[in-house]
Amino acid sequence: MITNADLLALDGKPGDFTVKVRKRPRYIDADKCTACGLCTQYCPKHLSDAYNEGLALTRPIHIDYAQAVPATYYIDPSACMSVQHDTCQICVPVCQSHAIDFSQQPEEVEIKVGAMVLSPGFGRIDDATLEKYSYGEHPDVVTAVEFERMTTASGPFLGEVKCFSDGRHPKSMAFIQCVGSRDLGCNNGYCSSVCCMYAIKEAMVAKEHDPEVDITVYYMDIRTQGKDFDKARERAEAMGVKFVRAKVAGVTPWGNNLRLTYSTLDGKHEFKPYDMVVLSVGLEAPKDAQGIAEMTGIELNHYDFAKTDTFSPLNTSVEGVVVAGAFQGPKDIPESVTQASATAGIVAGMLQQQRGLGIVHKSYPDEKPMDEEVRIGVFVCHCGINIASVVDVRKVEDSVEGMEGVVYHTDSLYSCSADAVKTLKDRIIEHNLNRVVIAACSPRTHEPLFQETLKDAGLNRCLIEMVNIRDQCSWVHAGEPEAATDKSQDLVRMAVAKARGMRPLPEQTVPVTPKALIIGAGIAGMTVALNLAEQGFDSVLVEKGEKLGGSLGLLNHTLDTHETASHLQKLVAKVEANKHIDVLTKAELKDFSGFIGNFSSVVGEEGGAEHTVDHGVVVLATGGHEHRPEGYQLEENSKVLTQTELEKRLAGKAKNRAPKSIVMIQCAGSRGDDLKYCSKVCCNHAVKNALTIKELNPASQVIVLYRDMRTYGYAEDAYREARLKGVIFIPYELDRKPVVSEEGKKLQVTFFDSLLQEEVEMTPELVALSVGIVPDGTEDLSKLLKAPLTDDRFFLEAHVKLRPVELPVSGVYVCGLAHGPKPVDETIAQAQAAAAKAAIPLVKGAVSIDPIVSVVEQEKCIGCGICASLCPFGSIEMIKVDKKRKAQTIAASCKACGICSSHCPTFAISMGGFTNEQIMDQITAFGNVKVAEPVEA
């Protein structure tokens, strides 16, 4: 990893590039720096802290934040007196590790690579765009990024929300949406896609700080189109956050407040005072985008983001150079993570011939034998102020003094920071610890990091017990610091009691069958199969229908006018010709068993033939179909169509295929109607068809009735073009939905026009419904694979943001409409990401099995079989031992749910790391509270 560096040039061809990089001097030897921070304390000069948006001061020698990687300080040469004036150098004698090195010079290096991934992030909106809202004129007008730093527990204000003007806590706040987005005035005609969601998050955080604060979000359209994002808005409204559809004219200082002037849909102009105004700023292309383009040769789009194609969303115009993240276009965290995985998969395919070369395998010291003496180390984390602002961390740490087995205890600001992890390793070795208790945040997030540290220190990774005093104490008892501290002490005491009984658990690895089973052969499934084939892996592609293609075959072209049929035809031909891909059509998954690396499935064909497929991984790409809502005359009147049916009609040859008048109704059956969710593609589909109608018949009257036009990203350009061509967009509310009825032979649409403020009746030639998407076959697959679903019957990912294509069941991945509705380019990127993730165990050839599994004491087992019948994962088998039935765990497929253990009538089954004895010790410790000795008078 090379940080503090600049790209200078890219030369060569795919598979044989030469990259020139300039490494800027850090003026600190990273190998010697211990990140103690002493140098910063002695540095005499102050510097505006750019990482904290200038809301705090730092020094020229500093580290941006505690968890920075690498955990090494650096010197800003533009502010350092030694670099600029050859003076000072106070930091040099202060540094005990002699890490400061002013002799460092810029260094240019050349690196041979086979491919390049561009992920430089995004730029910031120019201050000139913000000035019309009095940003820079009044200190209480802040950007959302500044507000984010303000509310962050580790930020300059330690999470306290206050006005910059006088330090008071704001009692009223306004969020203004679309600042620097959807704004041709700053050449940002696109929607930044993320602002609505982060504004809602920040409003909710502000409400958590002060439930009484009055918050209003001023918006044009609330674009919470992501999976389950609408639920966040509902939660915000339940907390008292108000949403007003209005255009903000300006913000002006007004006494001790700010006056926000706005106009509503009904034409009224109003103003309202606020203590603080937050500008929801959009994302721009990085400022050096033009430079990157010149160095690499890639093309940029008219907004200076990397130019890509709908069907190759991550490939730039230069072969071998791919792009991920916001440089491809503004996007949220899950999409960025997805694209990162996808580019890794694409590159792995490009470099398949070089696989395994240049790899350095990490080695660990041998595990130390367990001493009889229990030596427990307890580490309590402040987590900035996340924990320490509520819980008395020092009191919790002191409470373990004298506990049986505890030989060392300490606290740390961030247990997960690189220096704290190193300290953990050093203390384990120094104090010969053989068990560790860490009281910090969620084990789900950081337990793997600490387990890795134990392995580095020569301990079995199961000799750690984590206590979540952040979520379970400081967060849920934020208003009760004493109770939160007492509870933290209880939990730590119980963890220590459990730790005393911990034993090393054996690590297991199992070989992987190098083949994938892909269920669903739409564009997502075919993309997965082709990507895996490029990496050299076989797959079986199972399609329920009689031909490949899925929902893409129902479209004629994409919003950016790419014709779909020819692309689909080429894709199907590539799949059918690929020797690594076996295709089974009119086939379904009938049975499924096994575990990651060693699955066995039975696939049944329509004629009754069955195939047994052994495979290492599964990718679910089952697709979806249009919802058919009731109440809109959809099935009763032939003049009422869905957008897909309208697109098919418009692609025909009939002269009158473009109607003289049409009313399109958005969210028909979605977002709280029949379906609770937004299907993400319907607005784009409507705009696409509206533009086609206008192209065929410019005189056609096209009216779109909508709730929020969610043409996010570059689709905003098409939305603007439609308005310029005369398409009329009129918003409506869910409680005043448009009504479609028949009046004689005519079709009638009645709706409330929020612009005219009156009921309107129209008799259009056609009505087009923008209906939602529902998933195909997920419920049956969920039962077979034991994979959970959301309330809306889409597959539930392992982690919404950080593991968006993995399911909680190891070795099972998801993409496309089975995960949630999304447009074609996002579907392809997600399929590439799923393929990249699925390829990991196939490349490794073996997978490690989590050692925390159930264990059967066969002497106690009476062979009743209750455990085998109840195990949801089929991980208990009944075997014969000395002619007696006994239960036995299949460790590789056990998920450690504990159902078998809890139902065993003879207590013959225990869980690794959760034995009955350990649990009893925890319960006993819970009640074993020290009572202070009465003091005699």
Foldseek 3Di string as FASTA:
>chain_A
DAPQKDWDFWDDAAQWIKTKMKRADQQFALVQALLPCQLFVPQPDWDQLVLLVSPDIGHQWADNDQQDVPSGTGGNLVHHCCNVPVDDCVSQVRDPSNGGHPVDHIDMDMDIDNFAEDEPAFDFDDVVLVCQQVVVNAQQEEALSNLVLCQDCQHPVNRQAAGPVPGHHWQEEEEEPQRAACDCVRPHNFFLLCLLLSVLVSLVSSCVVPLRRAYEYEAQFRFLADDCSVVSVVVSVVSPYHYAHWAWRYWDDDVQWIKTWTAHLQGDIDIDTTNHYYYSTHTAHHPCLVVVCVRHVFDAPSRSAFDDDLQGQFDTPGPRYGYAACSSPRDDQQRRLLLVLLVVLVVLLSCLVCPPPPDDDDDFDAADDDDPQAEEEEEEECCNVLQVVQEVRVVLQVLCPPPRRYDYYDYYHHCNHPSNLVVVLVVCQVRVHAAYEYEAADCVPCLVVNLVSCRNSRYQSLRYHYHHLRVVACPVPVVHSVVSNVVSSLRRLLRVLLSVPADHFDWDKDFADQEEEEEAQALLSLLLQVSLVSSPGAYEYEELAQAHHPPLVLAQAFLVGHGRPVVSVVSRVVQVPRPRYHYHYNKDWDAWADAARWIWTWIAHPVGDIDIDTGRFYEYAQAWDFDDAPQACDVPDPQEAALSVLNVLLPDDDLCSQFQEEEEEEQRCECPRVHVHNLLCLLSSLLSSLVSSCVSPLNRAAEYEEAGRNCHIPSSVSVVVSVVSPYHYFYADPVFGWGWDDDDPFIKIWGQGSHNRGIDIDGTSHYYYSTHIAGPPLVVVCLNQVFDADPRSATDAPDVRNGPQHTPRPRYGYADCSNGRDDSSSRSSSSSSRSSVNCVSSSVRMDMFDSFFKAFQFVQFQQPCPLCVPDSNNQWDWDADVNGTGIGGNRNRGPNPCPSQVPRPRNRMATNSGGPSSVVSSVVSSPPDDDDDDDDD
